[in-house]
Amino acid sequence: FQIEELEARMRVQLRRANDRTAPVVACGDLVFDTNTRLFSLAGETLGLTPREHAVLEQLMVKAGRTVSKAALSAAIYDFETDADPSAIEIYVHRVRKKLEGSRVQIATLRGLGYLLRHED
């Protein structure tokens, strides 16, 4: 079999697993519609690049739980791309800037990864 076919099959399986979850995931003012794959913050659509979207999607789906840099890297890059781990920090920084002014934050847990949380 070809690697491309394996990747496609894995994506289908992951999509099927995600289809069983609630169609709308919320963390405070931040809402992710898994059907349309759109993010909104305080009712306004959040403009994200594809890689920023992938980072925020991983954090959102696992809100309240730690997400490692390796997990974020796997969500952003395909198997053939050799990415610099510091690139994840750049994407997280950009997403943080887009969340400024809201009560949703991305916390850095040194040596562990990142955590999406809502301030009360």
PDB file of N, CA and C in Angstrom:
ATOM      1  N   PHE A   1       0.826  -1.186   0.000  1.00  0.00           N
ATOM      2  CA  PHE A   1       0.000   0.000   0.000  1.00  0.00           C
ATOM      3  C   PHE A   1       0.866   1.243   0.000  1.00  0.00           C
ATOM      4  N   GLN A   2       0.279   2.330  -0.378  1.00  0.00           N
ATOM      5  CA  GLN A   2       0.970   3.611  -0.436  1.00  0.00           C
ATOM      6  C   GLN A   2       0.757   4.381   0.868  1.00  0.00           C
ATOM      7  N   ILE A   3       1.727   5.183   1.245  1.00  0.00           N
ATOM      8  CA  ILE A   3       1.625   6.008   2.457  1.00  0.00           C
ATOM      9  C   ILE A   3       0.439   6.960   2.347  1.00  0.00           C
ATOM     10  N   GLU A   4       0.213   7.513   1.169  1.00  0.00           N
ATOM     11  CA  GLU A   4      -0.903   8.442   0.978  1.00  0.00           C
ATOM     12  C   GLU A   4      -2.233   7.764   1.290  1.00  0.00           C
ATOM     13  N   GLU A   5      -2.358   6.506   0.872  1.00  0.00           N
ATOM     14  CA  GLU A   5      -3.588   5.764   1.150  1.00  0.00           C
ATOM     15  C   GLU A   5      -3.749   5.535   2.654  1.00  0.00           C
ATOM     16  N   LEU A   6      -2.659   5.188   3.324  1.00  0.00           N
ATOM     17  CA  LEU A   6      -2.697   4.989   4.773  1.00  0.00           C
ATOM     18  C   LEU A   6      -3.114   6.275   5.482  1.00  0.00           C
ATOM     19  N   GLU A   7      -2.517   7.407   5.076  1.00  0.00           N
ATOM     20  CA  GLU A   7      -2.885   8.698   5.668  1.00  0.00           C
ATOM     21  C   GLU A   7      -4.365   8.988   5.473  1.00  0.00           C
ATOM     22  N   ALA A   8      -4.869   8.750   4.260  1.00  0.00           N
ATOM     23  CA  ALA A   8      -6.282   9.012   3.965  1.00  0.00           C
ATOM     24  C   ALA A   8      -7.178   8.132   4.832  1.00  0.00           C
ATOM     25  N   ARG A   9      -6.824   6.875   4.971  1.00  0.00           N
ATOM     26  CA  ARG A   9      -7.629   5.960   5.799  1.00  0.00           C
ATOM     27  C   ARG A   9      -7.614   6.374   7.270  1.00  0.00           C
ATOM     28  N   MET A  10      -6.464   6.838   7.731  1.00  0.00           N
ATOM     29  CA  MET A  10      -6.373   7.285   9.128  1.00  0.00           C
ATOM     30  C   MET A  10      -7.232   8.529   9.355  1.00  0.00           C
ATOM     31  N   ARG A  11      -7.208   9.453   8.391  1.00  0.00           N
ATOM     32  CA  ARG A  11      -8.034  10.663   8.514  1.00  0.00           C
ATOM     33  C   ARG A  11      -9.523  10.309   8.572  1.00  0.00           C
ATOM     34  N   VAL A  12      -9.937   9.347   7.747  1.00  0.00           N
ATOM     35  CA  VAL A  12     -11.338   8.919   7.740  1.00  0.00           C
ATOM     36  C   VAL A  12     -11.711   8.350   9.106  1.00  0.00           C
ATOM     37  N   GLN A  13     -10.852   7.521   9.666  1.00  0.00           N
ATOM     38  CA  GLN A  13     -11.131   6.918  10.967  1.00  0.00           C
ATOM     39  C   GLN A  13     -11.199   7.987  12.061  1.00  0.00           C
ATOM     40  N   LEU A  14     -10.301   8.950  12.008  1.00  0.00           N
ATOM     41  CA  LEU A  14     -10.322  10.033  12.992  1.00  0.00           C
ATOM     42  C   LEU A  14     -11.584  10.878  12.847  1.00  0.00           C
ATOM     43  N   ARG A  15     -11.985  11.148  11.599  1.00  0.00           N
ATOM     44  CA  ARG A  15     -13.192  11.921  11.359  1.00  0.00           C
ATOM     45  C   ARG A  15     -14.416  11.178  11.891  1.00  0.00           C
ATOM     46  N   ARG A  16     -14.461   9.887  11.669  1.00  0.00           N
ATOM     47  CA  ARG A  16     -15.578   9.094  12.169  1.00  0.00           C
ATOM     48  C   ARG A  16     -15.633   9.117  13.689  1.00  0.00           C
ATOM     49  N   ALA A  17     -14.491   9.041  14.322  1.00  0.00           N
ATOM     50  CA  ALA A  17     -14.444   9.090  15.788  1.00  0.00           C
ATOM     51  C   ALA A  17     -14.918  10.443  16.289  1.00  0.00           C
ATOM     52  N   ASN A  18     -14.530  11.513  15.589  1.00  0.00           N
ATOM     53  CA  ASN A  18     -14.939  12.859  15.997  1.00  0.00           C
ATOM     54  C   ASN A  18     -16.408  13.121  15.718  1.00  0.00           C
ATOM     55  N   ASP A  19     -17.001  12.422  14.740  1.00  0.00           N
ATOM     56  CA  ASP A  19     -18.411  12.620  14.414  1.00  0.00           C
ATOM     57  C   ASP A  19     -19.326  12.162  15.543  1.00  0.00           C
ATOM     58  N   ARG A  20     -18.813  11.338  16.420  1.00  0.00           N
ATOM     59  CA  ARG A  20     -19.622  10.831  17.525  1.00  0.00           C
ATOM     60  C   ARG A  20     -19.715  11.819  18.681  1.00  0.00           C
ATOM     61  N   THR A  21     -18.908  12.859  18.642  1.00  0.00           N
ATOM     62  CA  THR A  21     -18.939  13.861  19.698  1.00  0.00           C
ATOM     63  C   THR A  21     -20.022  14.893  19.401  1.00  0.00           C
ATOM     64  N   ALA A  22     -20.233  15.779  20.354  1.00  0.00           N
ATOM     65  CA  ALA A  22     -21.224  16.839  20.177  1.00  0.00           C
ATOM     66  C   ALA A  22     -20.819  17.718  18.994  1.00  0.00           C
ATOM     67  N   PRO A  23     -21.791  18.185  18.190  1.00  0.00           N
ATOM     68  CA  PRO A  23     -21.448  18.983  17.016  1.00  0.00           C
ATOM     69  C   PRO A  23     -20.889  20.369  17.352  1.00  0.00           C
ATOM     70  N   VAL A  24     -21.163  20.871  18.542  1.00  0.00           N
ATOM     71  CA  VAL A  24     -20.657  22.180  18.926  1.00  0.00           C
ATOM     72  C   VAL A  24     -19.898  22.037  20.241  1.00  0.00           C
ATOM     73  N   VAL A  25     -18.656  22.507  20.230  1.00  0.00           N
ATOM     74  CA  VAL A  25     -17.812  22.465  21.419  1.00  0.00           C
ATOM     75  C   VAL A  25     -17.583  23.907  21.845  1.00  0.00           C
ATOM     76  N   ALA A  26     -17.755  24.176  23.133  1.00  0.00           N
ATOM     77  CA  ALA A  26     -17.592  25.545  23.630  1.00  0.00           C
ATOM     78  C   ALA A  26     -16.627  25.585  24.793  1.00  0.00           C
ATOM     79  N   CYS A  27     -15.885  26.666  24.834  1.00  0.00           N
ATOM     80  CA  CYS A  27     -15.002  26.972  25.960  1.00  0.00           C
ATOM     81  C   CYS A  27     -15.173  28.467  26.202  1.00  0.00           C
ATOM     82  N   GLY A  28     -16.073  28.798  27.112  1.00  0.00           N
ATOM     83  CA  GLY A  28     -16.383  30.208  27.338  1.00  0.00           C
ATOM     84  C   GLY A  28     -17.020  30.823  26.110  1.00  0.00           C
ATOM     85  N   ASP A  29     -16.461  31.947  25.641  1.00  0.00           N
ATOM     86  CA  ASP A  29     -16.972  32.652  24.461  1.00  0.00           C
ATOM     87  C   ASP A  29     -16.532  32.014  23.152  1.00  0.00           C
ATOM     88  N   LEU A  30     -15.596  31.090  23.231  1.00  0.00           N
ATOM     89  CA  LEU A  30     -15.066  30.438  22.042  1.00  0.00           C
ATOM     90  C   LEU A  30     -15.911  29.208  21.722  1.00  0.00           C
ATOM     91  N   VAL A  31     -16.408  29.161  20.487  1.00  0.00           N
ATOM     92  CA  VAL A  31     -17.268  28.060  20.057  1.00  0.00           C
ATOM     93  C   VAL A  31     -16.692  27.470  18.777  1.00  0.00           C
ATOM     94  N   PHE A  32     -16.663  26.129  18.727  1.00  0.00           N
ATOM     95  CA  PHE A  32     -16.195  25.412  17.535  1.00  0.00           C
ATOM     96  C   PHE A  32     -17.311  24.503  17.060  1.00  0.00           C
ATOM     97  N   ASP A  33     -17.768  24.733  15.834  1.00  0.00           N
ATOM     98  CA  ASP A  33     -18.793  23.897  15.223  1.00  0.00           C
ATOM     99  C   ASP A  33     -18.081  22.814  14.430  1.00  0.00           C
ATOM    100  N   THR A  34     -18.170  21.576  14.888  1.00  0.00           N
ATOM    101  CA  THR A  34     -17.450  20.486  14.240  1.00  0.00           C
ATOM    102  C   THR A  34     -18.028  20.128  12.872  1.00  0.00           C
ATOM    103  N   ASN A  35     -19.241  20.504  12.600  1.00  0.00           N
ATOM    104  CA  ASN A  35     -19.838  20.243  11.283  1.00  0.00           C
ATOM    105  C   ASN A  35     -19.277  21.187  10.230  1.00  0.00           C
ATOM    106  N   THR A  36     -19.241  22.474  10.549  1.00  0.00           N
ATOM    107  CA  THR A  36     -18.738  23.463   9.588  1.00  0.00           C
ATOM    108  C   THR A  36     -17.248  23.720   9.762  1.00  0.00           C
ATOM    109  N   ARG A  37     -16.696  23.294  10.910  1.00  0.00           N
ATOM    110  CA  ARG A  37     -15.293  23.490  11.280  1.00  0.00           C
ATOM    111  C   ARG A  37     -14.948  24.973  11.401  1.00  0.00           C
ATOM    112  N   LEU A  38     -15.926  25.779  11.821  1.00  0.00           N
ATOM    113  CA  LEU A  38     -15.709  27.206  12.025  1.00  0.00           C
ATOM    114  C   LEU A  38     -15.618  27.519  13.508  1.00  0.00           C
ATOM    115  N   PHE A  39     -14.729  28.462  13.825  1.00  0.00           N
ATOM    116  CA  PHE A  39     -14.609  28.971  15.183  1.00  0.00           C
ATOM    117  C   PHE A  39     -15.295  30.322  15.253  1.00  0.00           C
ATOM    118  N   SER A  40     -15.935  30.590  16.377  1.00  0.00           N
ATOM    119  CA  SER A  40     -16.465  31.932  16.612  1.00  0.00           C
ATOM    120  C   SER A  40     -16.106  32.341  18.035  1.00  0.00           C
ATOM    121  N   LEU A  41     -15.823  33.610  18.186  1.00  0.00           N
ATOM    122  CA  LEU A  41     -15.463  34.174  19.477  1.00  0.00           C
ATOM    123  C   LEU A  41     -16.425  35.312  19.756  1.00  0.00           C
ATOM    124  N   ALA A  42     -17.213  35.164  20.804  1.00  0.00           N
ATOM    125  CA  ALA A  42     -18.230  36.151  21.174  1.00  0.00           C
ATOM    126  C   ALA A  42     -19.175  36.416  20.002  1.00  0.00           C
ATOM    127  N   GLY A  43     -19.527  35.368  19.268  1.00  0.00           N
ATOM    128  CA  GLY A  43     -20.478  35.492  18.171  1.00  0.00           C
ATOM    129  C   GLY A  43     -19.883  35.901  16.845  1.00  0.00           C
ATOM    130  N   GLU A  44     -18.606  36.274  16.823  1.00  0.00           N
ATOM    131  CA  GLU A  44     -17.941  36.703  15.589  1.00  0.00           C
ATOM    132  C   GLU A  44     -17.055  35.569  15.072  1.00  0.00           C
ATOM    133  N   THR A  45     -17.070  35.348  13.760  1.00  0.00           N
ATOM    134  CA  THR A  45     -16.224  34.314  13.169  1.00  0.00           C
ATOM    135  C   THR A  45     -14.765  34.685  13.361  1.00  0.00           C
ATOM    136  N   LEU A  46     -13.989  33.707  13.775  1.00  0.00           N
ATOM    137  CA  LEU A  46     -12.572  33.916  14.048  1.00  0.00           C
ATOM    138  C   LEU A  46     -11.772  33.543  12.798  1.00  0.00           C
ATOM    139  N   GLY A  47     -11.037  34.493  12.260  1.00  0.00           N
ATOM    140  CA  GLY A  47     -10.227  34.255  11.070  1.00  0.00           C
ATOM    141  C   GLY A  47      -8.898  33.618  11.439  1.00  0.00           C
ATOM    142  N   LEU A  48      -8.668  32.414  10.951  1.00  0.00           N
ATOM    143  CA  LEU A  48      -7.453  31.681  11.261  1.00  0.00           C
ATOM    144  C   LEU A  48      -6.832  31.114   9.992  1.00  0.00           C
ATOM    145  N   THR A  49      -5.511  31.017   9.997  1.00  0.00           N
ATOM    146  CA  THR A  49      -4.829  30.317   8.907  1.00  0.00           C
ATOM    147  C   THR A  49      -5.058  28.818   9.110  1.00  0.00           C
ATOM    148  N   PRO A  50      -4.817  27.995   8.105  1.00  0.00           N
ATOM    149  CA  PRO A  50      -5.025  26.548   8.273  1.00  0.00           C
ATOM    150  C   PRO A  50      -4.241  25.948   9.444  1.00  0.00           C
ATOM    151  N   ARG A  51      -3.014  26.357   9.647  1.00  0.00           N
ATOM    152  CA  ARG A  51      -2.222  25.801  10.747  1.00  0.00           C
ATOM    153  C   ARG A  51      -2.681  26.339  12.101  1.00  0.00           C
ATOM    154  N   GLU A  52      -3.061  27.602  12.164  1.00  0.00           N
ATOM    155  CA  GLU A  52      -3.628  28.136  13.409  1.00  0.00           C
ATOM    156  C   GLU A  52      -4.923  27.399  13.737  1.00  0.00           C
ATOM    157  N   HIS A  53      -5.704  27.142  12.717  1.00  0.00           N
ATOM    158  CA  HIS A  53      -6.962  26.411  12.890  1.00  0.00           C
ATOM    159  C   HIS A  53      -6.696  25.028  13.465  1.00  0.00           C
ATOM    160  N   ALA A  54      -5.684  24.335  12.922  1.00  0.00           N
ATOM    161  CA  ALA A  54      -5.353  22.992  13.401  1.00  0.00           C
ATOM    162  C   ALA A  54      -4.911  23.010  14.865  1.00  0.00           C
ATOM    163  N   VAL A  55      -4.125  24.011  15.233  1.00  0.00           N
ATOM    164  CA  VAL A  55      -3.684  24.143  16.633  1.00  0.00           C
ATOM    165  C   VAL A  55      -4.875  24.373  17.539  1.00  0.00           C
ATOM    166  N   LEU A  56      -5.712  25.337  17.187  1.00  0.00           N
ATOM    167  CA  LEU A  56      -6.859  25.659  18.038  1.00  0.00           C
ATOM    168  C   LEU A  56      -7.860  24.506  18.090  1.00  0.00           C
ATOM    169  N   GLU A  57      -8.018  23.796  16.997  1.00  0.00           N
ATOM    170  CA  GLU A  57      -8.930  22.658  16.983  1.00  0.00           C
ATOM    171  C   GLU A  57      -8.463  21.582  17.964  1.00  0.00           C
ATOM    172  N   GLN A  58      -7.182  21.282  17.950  1.00  0.00           N
ATOM    173  CA  GLN A  58      -6.651  20.288  18.884  1.00  0.00           C
ATOM    174  C   GLN A  58      -6.832  20.727  20.327  1.00  0.00           C
ATOM    175  N   LEU A  59      -6.557  21.996  20.596  1.00  0.00           N
ATOM    176  CA  LEU A  59      -6.720  22.509  21.960  1.00  0.00           C
ATOM    177  C   LEU A  59      -8.178  22.532  22.378  1.00  0.00           C
ATOM    178  N   MET A  60      -9.050  22.864  21.440  1.00  0.00           N
ATOM    179  CA  MET A  60     -10.478  22.959  21.731  1.00  0.00           C
ATOM    180  C   MET A  60     -11.097  21.592  22.003  1.00  0.00           C
ATOM    181  N   VAL A  61     -10.758  20.623  21.180  1.00  0.00           N
ATOM    182  CA  VAL A  61     -11.302  19.279  21.348  1.00  0.00           C
ATOM    183  C   VAL A  61     -10.855  18.684  22.683  1.00  0.00           C
ATOM    184  N   LYS A  62      -9.686  19.102  23.140  1.00  0.00           N
ATOM    185  CA  LYS A  62      -9.152  18.593  24.406  1.00  0.00           C
ATOM    186  C   LYS A  62      -9.125  19.686  25.473  1.00  0.00           C
ATOM    187  N   ALA A  63     -10.063  20.605  25.419  1.00  0.00           N
ATOM    188  CA  ALA A  63     -10.119  21.717  26.377  1.00  0.00           C
ATOM    189  C   ALA A  63     -10.111  21.192  27.807  1.00  0.00           C
ATOM    190  N   GLY A  64      -9.284  21.809  28.629  1.00  0.00           N
ATOM    191  CA  GLY A  64      -9.170  21.395  30.022  1.00  0.00           C
ATOM    192  C   GLY A  64      -8.146  20.294  30.234  1.00  0.00           C
ATOM    193  N   ARG A  65      -7.575  19.793  29.139  1.00  0.00           N
ATOM    194  CA  ARG A  65      -6.538  18.758  29.228  1.00  0.00           C
ATOM    195  C   ARG A  65      -5.284  19.251  28.520  1.00  0.00           C
ATOM    196  N   THR A  66      -4.153  18.769  28.972  1.00  0.00           N
ATOM    197  CA  THR A  66      -2.877  19.167  28.392  1.00  0.00           C
ATOM    198  C   THR A  66      -2.687  18.523  27.021  1.00  0.00           C
ATOM    199  N   VAL A  67      -2.238  19.334  26.068  1.00  0.00           N
ATOM    200  CA  VAL A  67      -1.930  18.855  24.721  1.00  0.00           C
ATOM    201  C   VAL A  67      -0.439  19.089  24.495  1.00  0.00           C
ATOM    202  N   SER A  68       0.288  18.029  24.202  1.00  0.00           N
ATOM    203  CA  SER A  68       1.733  18.130  24.027  1.00  0.00           C
ATOM    204  C   SER A  68       2.085  18.792  22.696  1.00  0.00           C
ATOM    205  N   LYS A  69       3.321  19.295  22.630  1.00  0.00           N
ATOM    206  CA  LYS A  69       3.806  19.870  21.370  1.00  0.00           C
ATOM    207  C   LYS A  69       3.813  18.809  20.275  1.00  0.00           C
ATOM    208  N   ALA A  70       4.138  17.580  20.655  1.00  0.00           N
ATOM    209  CA  ALA A  70       4.168  16.497  19.661  1.00  0.00           C
ATOM    210  C   ALA A  70       2.782  16.261  19.067  1.00  0.00           C
ATOM    211  N   ALA A  71       1.744  16.322  19.907  1.00  0.00           N
ATOM    212  CA  ALA A  71       0.372  16.136  19.411  1.00  0.00           C
ATOM    213  C   ALA A  71      -0.026  17.284  18.493  1.00  0.00           C
ATOM    214  N   LEU A  72       0.358  18.503  18.850  1.00  0.00           N
ATOM    215  CA  LEU A  72       0.051  19.652  17.992  1.00  0.00           C
ATOM    216  C   LEU A  72       0.811  19.550  16.679  1.00  0.00           C
ATOM    217  N   SER A  73       2.055  19.134  16.742  1.00  0.00           N
ATOM    218  CA  SER A  73       2.862  18.982  15.540  1.00  0.00           C
ATOM    219  C   SER A  73       2.249  17.933  14.612  1.00  0.00           C
ATOM    220  N   ALA A  74       1.774  16.838  15.181  1.00  0.00           N
ATOM    221  CA  ALA A  74       1.141  15.787  14.374  1.00  0.00           C
ATOM    222  C   ALA A  74      -0.141  16.290  13.719  1.00  0.00           C
ATOM    223  N   ALA A  75      -0.849  17.204  14.390  1.00  0.00           N
ATOM    224  CA  ALA A  75      -2.089  17.743  13.834  1.00  0.00           C
ATOM    225  C   ALA A  75      -1.818  18.744  12.714  1.00  0.00           C
ATOM    226  N   ILE A  76      -0.701  19.415  12.783  1.00  0.00           N
ATOM    227  CA  ILE A  76      -0.396  20.465  11.820  1.00  0.00           C
ATOM    228  C   ILE A  76       0.311  19.936  10.574  1.00  0.00           C
ATOM    229  N   TYR A  77       1.273  19.054  10.787  1.00  0.00           N
ATOM    230  CA  TYR A  77       2.118  18.610   9.684  1.00  0.00           C
ATOM    231  C   TYR A  77       1.797  17.183   9.285  1.00  0.00           C
ATOM    232  N   ASP A  78       2.038  16.865   8.019  1.00  0.00           N
ATOM    233  CA  ASP A  78       1.866  15.486   7.574  1.00  0.00           C
ATOM    234  C   ASP A  78       3.112  14.678   7.944  1.00  0.00           C
ATOM    235  N   PHE A  79       3.082  13.401   7.625  1.00  0.00           N
ATOM    236  CA  PHE A  79       4.163  12.504   8.017  1.00  0.00           C
ATOM    237  C   PHE A  79       5.494  12.834   7.361  1.00  0.00           C
ATOM    238  N   GLU A  80       5.456  13.437   6.199  1.00  0.00           N
ATOM    239  CA  GLU A  80       6.678  13.696   5.446  1.00  0.00           C
ATOM    240  C   GLU A  80       7.346  15.011   5.809  1.00  0.00           C
ATOM    241  N   THR A  81       6.652  15.904   6.466  1.00  0.00           N
ATOM    242  CA  THR A  81       7.193  17.207   6.792  1.00  0.00           C
ATOM    243  C   THR A  81       8.007  17.129   8.071  1.00  0.00           C
ATOM    244  N   ASP A  82       9.233  17.614   8.003  1.00  0.00           N
ATOM    245  CA  ASP A  82      10.088  17.663   9.182  1.00  0.00           C
ATOM    246  C   ASP A  82      10.016  19.087   9.713  1.00  0.00           C
ATOM    247  N   ALA A  83       9.256  19.280  10.778  1.00  0.00           N
ATOM    248  CA  ALA A  83       8.997  20.625  11.282  1.00  0.00           C
ATOM    249  C   ALA A  83       9.849  20.926  12.508  1.00  0.00           C
ATOM    250  N   ASP A  84      10.212  22.167  12.632  1.00  0.00           N
ATOM    251  CA  ASP A  84      10.948  22.639  13.792  1.00  0.00           C
ATOM    252  C   ASP A  84       9.976  22.759  14.967  1.00  0.00           C
ATOM    253  N   PRO A  85      10.292  22.177  16.131  1.00  0.00           N
ATOM    254  CA  PRO A  85       9.376  22.248  17.272  1.00  0.00           C
ATOM    255  C   PRO A  85       9.045  23.682  17.699  1.00  0.00           C
ATOM    256  N   SER A  86       9.950  24.624  17.437  1.00  0.00           N
ATOM    257  CA  SER A  86       9.666  26.006  17.819  1.00  0.00           C
ATOM    258  C   SER A  86       8.558  26.620  16.964  1.00  0.00           C
ATOM    259  N   ALA A  87       8.261  26.006  15.817  1.00  0.00           N
ATOM    260  CA  ALA A  87       7.177  26.505  14.961  1.00  0.00           C
ATOM    261  C   ALA A  87       5.842  26.402  15.688  1.00  0.00           C
ATOM    262  N   ILE A  88       5.678  25.380  16.507  1.00  0.00           N
ATOM    263  CA  ILE A  88       4.443  25.228  17.284  1.00  0.00           C
ATOM    264  C   ILE A  88       4.264  26.440  18.190  1.00  0.00           C
ATOM    265  N   GLU A  89       5.341  26.894  18.806  1.00  0.00           N
ATOM    266  CA  GLU A  89       5.278  28.061  19.686  1.00  0.00           C
ATOM    267  C   GLU A  89       4.801  29.289  18.926  1.00  0.00           C
ATOM    268  N   ILE A  90       5.220  29.427  17.693  1.00  0.00           N
ATOM    269  CA  ILE A  90       4.816  30.571  16.867  1.00  0.00           C
ATOM    270  C   ILE A  90       3.315  30.523  16.597  1.00  0.00           C
ATOM    271  N   TYR A  91       2.806  29.345  16.231  1.00  0.00           N
ATOM    272  CA  TYR A  91       1.377  29.219  15.948  1.00  0.00           C
ATOM    273  C   TYR A  91       0.542  29.436  17.207  1.00  0.00           C
ATOM    274  N   VAL A  92       1.008  28.928  18.327  1.00  0.00           N
ATOM    275  CA  VAL A  92       0.291  29.140  19.587  1.00  0.00           C
ATOM    276  C   VAL A  92       0.275  30.628  19.923  1.00  0.00           C
ATOM    277  N   HIS A  93       1.399  31.308  19.710  1.00  0.00           N
ATOM    278  CA  HIS A  93       1.474  32.755  19.966  1.00  0.00           C
ATOM    279  C   HIS A  93       0.464  33.508  19.100  1.00  0.00           C
ATOM    280  N   ARG A  94       0.373  33.146  17.833  1.00  0.00           N
ATOM    281  CA  ARG A  94      -0.571  33.819  16.921  1.00  0.00           C
ATOM    282  C   ARG A  94      -2.017  33.586  17.343  1.00  0.00           C
ATOM    283  N   VAL A  95      -2.326  32.367  17.767  1.00  0.00           N
ATOM    284  CA  VAL A  95      -3.692  32.071  18.218  1.00  0.00           C
ATOM    285  C   VAL A  95      -3.991  32.845  19.492  1.00  0.00           C
ATOM    286  N   ARG A  96      -3.023  32.932  20.393  1.00  0.00           N
ATOM    287  CA  ARG A  96      -3.212  33.710  21.626  1.00  0.00           C
ATOM    288  C   ARG A  96      -3.568  35.156  21.311  1.00  0.00           C
ATOM    289  N   LYS A  97      -2.870  35.737  20.337  1.00  0.00           N
ATOM    290  CA  LYS A  97      -3.145  37.129  19.961  1.00  0.00           C
ATOM    291  C   LYS A  97      -4.572  37.286  19.445  1.00  0.00           C
ATOM    292  N   LYS A  98      -5.068  36.278  18.738  1.00  0.00           N
ATOM    293  CA  LYS A  98      -6.432  36.352  18.204  1.00  0.00           C
ATOM    294  C   LYS A  98      -7.481  36.138  19.288  1.00  0.00           C
ATOM    295  N   LEU A  99      -7.080  35.548  20.406  1.00  0.00           N
ATOM    296  CA  LEU A  99      -7.996  35.333  21.531  1.00  0.00           C
ATOM    297  C   LEU A  99      -7.931  36.458  22.555  1.00  0.00           C
ATOM    298  N   GLU A 100      -7.043  37.426  22.345  1.00  0.00           N
ATOM    299  CA  GLU A 100      -6.900  38.542  23.284  1.00  0.00           C
ATOM    300  C   GLU A 100      -8.222  39.267  23.465  1.00  0.00           C
ATOM    301  N   GLY A 101      -8.463  39.688  24.680  1.00  0.00           N
ATOM    302  CA  GLY A 101      -9.692  40.404  24.984  1.00  0.00           C
ATOM    303  C   GLY A 101     -10.818  39.476  25.394  1.00  0.00           C
ATOM    304  N   SER A 102     -10.627  38.186  25.232  1.00  0.00           N
ATOM    305  CA  SER A 102     -11.648  37.229  25.662  1.00  0.00           C
ATOM    306  C   SER A 102     -11.188  36.593  26.969  1.00  0.00           C
ATOM    307  N   ARG A 103     -12.028  35.774  27.524  1.00  0.00           N
ATOM    308  CA  ARG A 103     -11.687  35.110  28.780  1.00  0.00           C
ATOM    309  C   ARG A 103     -11.134  33.708  28.534  1.00  0.00           C
ATOM    310  N   VAL A 104     -10.859  33.405  27.273  1.00  0.00           N
ATOM    311  CA  VAL A 104     -10.276  32.121  26.897  1.00  0.00           C
ATOM    312  C   VAL A 104      -8.767  32.311  26.773  1.00  0.00           C
ATOM    313  N   GLN A 105      -8.020  31.410  27.399  1.00  0.00           N
ATOM    314  CA  GLN A 105      -6.566  31.524  27.382  1.00  0.00           C
ATOM    315  C   GLN A 105      -5.913  30.196  27.049  1.00  0.00           C
ATOM    316  N   ILE A 106      -4.737  30.298  26.468  1.00  0.00           N
ATOM    317  CA  ILE A 106      -3.902  29.121  26.247  1.00  0.00           C
ATOM    318  C   ILE A 106      -2.761  29.221  27.242  1.00  0.00           C
ATOM    319  N   ALA A 107      -2.720  28.283  28.177  1.00  0.00           N
ATOM    320  CA  ALA A 107      -1.668  28.264  29.197  1.00  0.00           C
ATOM    321  C   ALA A 107      -0.540  27.356  28.738  1.00  0.00           C
ATOM    322  N   THR A 108       0.688  27.782  29.010  1.00  0.00           N
ATOM    323  CA  THR A 108       1.856  26.953  28.723  1.00  0.00           C
ATOM    324  C   THR A 108       2.218  26.192  29.982  1.00  0.00           C
ATOM    325  N   LEU A 109       2.327  24.892  29.852  1.00  0.00           N
ATOM    326  CA  LEU A 109       2.757  24.040  30.958  1.00  0.00           C
ATOM    327  C   LEU A 109       4.143  23.528  30.585  1.00  0.00           C
ATOM    328  N   ARG A 110       5.156  24.144  31.164  1.00  0.00           N
ATOM    329  CA  ARG A 110       6.544  23.847  30.787  1.00  0.00           C
ATOM    330  C   ARG A 110       6.839  22.352  30.841  1.00  0.00           C
ATOM    331  N   GLY A 111       7.383  21.864  29.739  1.00  0.00           N
ATOM    332  CA  GLY A 111       7.754  20.462  29.641  1.00  0.00           C
ATOM    333  C   GLY A 111       6.603  19.521  29.341  1.00  0.00           C
ATOM    334  N   LEU A 112       5.370  20.040  29.378  1.00  0.00           N
ATOM    335  CA  LEU A 112       4.193  19.199  29.149  1.00  0.00           C
ATOM    336  C   LEU A 112       3.454  19.560  27.869  1.00  0.00           C
ATOM    337  N   GLY A 113       3.238  20.853  27.646  1.00  0.00           N
ATOM    338  CA  GLY A 113       2.497  21.281  26.472  1.00  0.00           C
ATOM    339  C   GLY A 113       1.643  22.494  26.753  1.00  0.00           C
ATOM    340  N   TYR A 114       0.435  22.493  26.210  1.00  0.00           N
ATOM    341  CA  TYR A 114      -0.468  23.635  26.302  1.00  0.00           C
ATOM    342  C   TYR A 114      -1.839  23.196  26.794  1.00  0.00           C
ATOM    343  N   LEU A 115      -2.552  24.158  27.388  1.00  0.00           N
ATOM    344  CA  LEU A 115      -3.861  23.894  27.968  1.00  0.00           C
ATOM    345  C   LEU A 115      -4.793  25.048  27.619  1.00  0.00           C
ATOM    346  N   LEU A 116      -5.925  24.746  27.011  1.00  0.00           N
ATOM    347  CA  LEU A 116      -6.940  25.754  26.713  1.00  0.00           C
ATOM    348  C   LEU A 116      -7.893  25.812  27.890  1.00  0.00           C
ATOM    349  N   ARG A 117      -8.089  27.005  28.420  1.00  0.00           N
ATOM    350  CA  ARG A 117      -8.976  27.144  29.566  1.00  0.00           C
ATOM    351  C   ARG A 117      -9.745  28.457  29.507  1.00  0.00           C
ATOM    352  N   HIS A 118     -10.826  28.483  30.257  1.00  0.00           N
ATOM    353  CA  HIS A 118     -11.710  29.638  30.359  1.00  0.00           C
ATOM    354  C   HIS A 118     -11.594  30.211  31.753  1.00  0.00           C
ATOM    355  N   GLU A 119     -11.344  31.513  31.823  1.00  0.00           N
ATOM    356  CA  GLU A 119     -11.289  32.181  33.133  1.00  0.00           C
ATOM    357  C   GLU A 119     -12.679  32.434  33.652  1.00  0.00           C
ATOM    358  N   ASP A 120     -12.890  32.175  34.920  1.00  0.00           N
ATOM    359  CA  ASP A 120     -14.182  32.468  35.544  1.00  0.00           C
ATOM    360  C   ASP A 120     -14.176  33.845  36.151  1.00  0.00           C
TER     361      ASP A 120
END
